[in-house]
Amino acid sequence: MRDLLFSVPWYLPTILGIVGLSLFVSGNRRQKPQIRTAGVAVIGLANLWAVVSYLVKTPKEICESQTRQYVRAVVDRDWPTFDRLMEPDVRFTDGTDWQIAGRDTWAGDVKAGAEQIGLKSASISSMDLAETSGAIIATITVYSTQEATLERPIESEWTLEWRQSGGRWLLHELRPVQVTGASLDQVRGMLRKR
């Protein structure tokens, strides 16, 4: 229900506004003040819906924006932003017992990894957001170029779990789903073992 009110596609208020305009014109032509007033009310409702949807950010919209910021921060080597988006006890795991735990450890490994492969660019080509109890799960597909692959694009898929902490949405867990041309063992090999 929250997404329908606050994260509405632009075309729904537009359609509602067109219906209101039609009612207004129809009521005006037929000299029916009730229909004309209903048309004005529907136009007002459509405008209010559009403004509220634009101004109020849902948790999904916040996490979508922060996921894009997180990827951009790695590419730009913007480490203050990178750190700000994560919980202190963030963890990187592949679904086994292996993991990298803690913001400082994870940030150090990402910095070293980005330099090691010569990361040039990364862009999110698709993102799917799901809301569970207490978490937003973002599954993203990323195309990246790096010197290690002679700048040939590599496709990878990741799952980021965002949780609310201290009134903010912060990254709680990051999991690789697949990296084209590399196994999860190879991904682990590029990072320090825990």
Foldseek 3Di string as FASTA:
>chain_A
DCCVQQVNPLVVLVVQLVVLVVQLVVCVVVVNVVSNVSSVVSNVVSVVSVVNNVPDADPQNQVVVLVQVCQVCLQVVVLVSVLVQADQFAWEDAPDPWIQTGSVQVSVLSNVLCVVQAWHDKDWPDWDWDDDVFKIKIKTWMWTATVNVPRDTKIWIKIWIWGDDPNDTHTRYIHTPDIPPDDVVVVVVSGDID
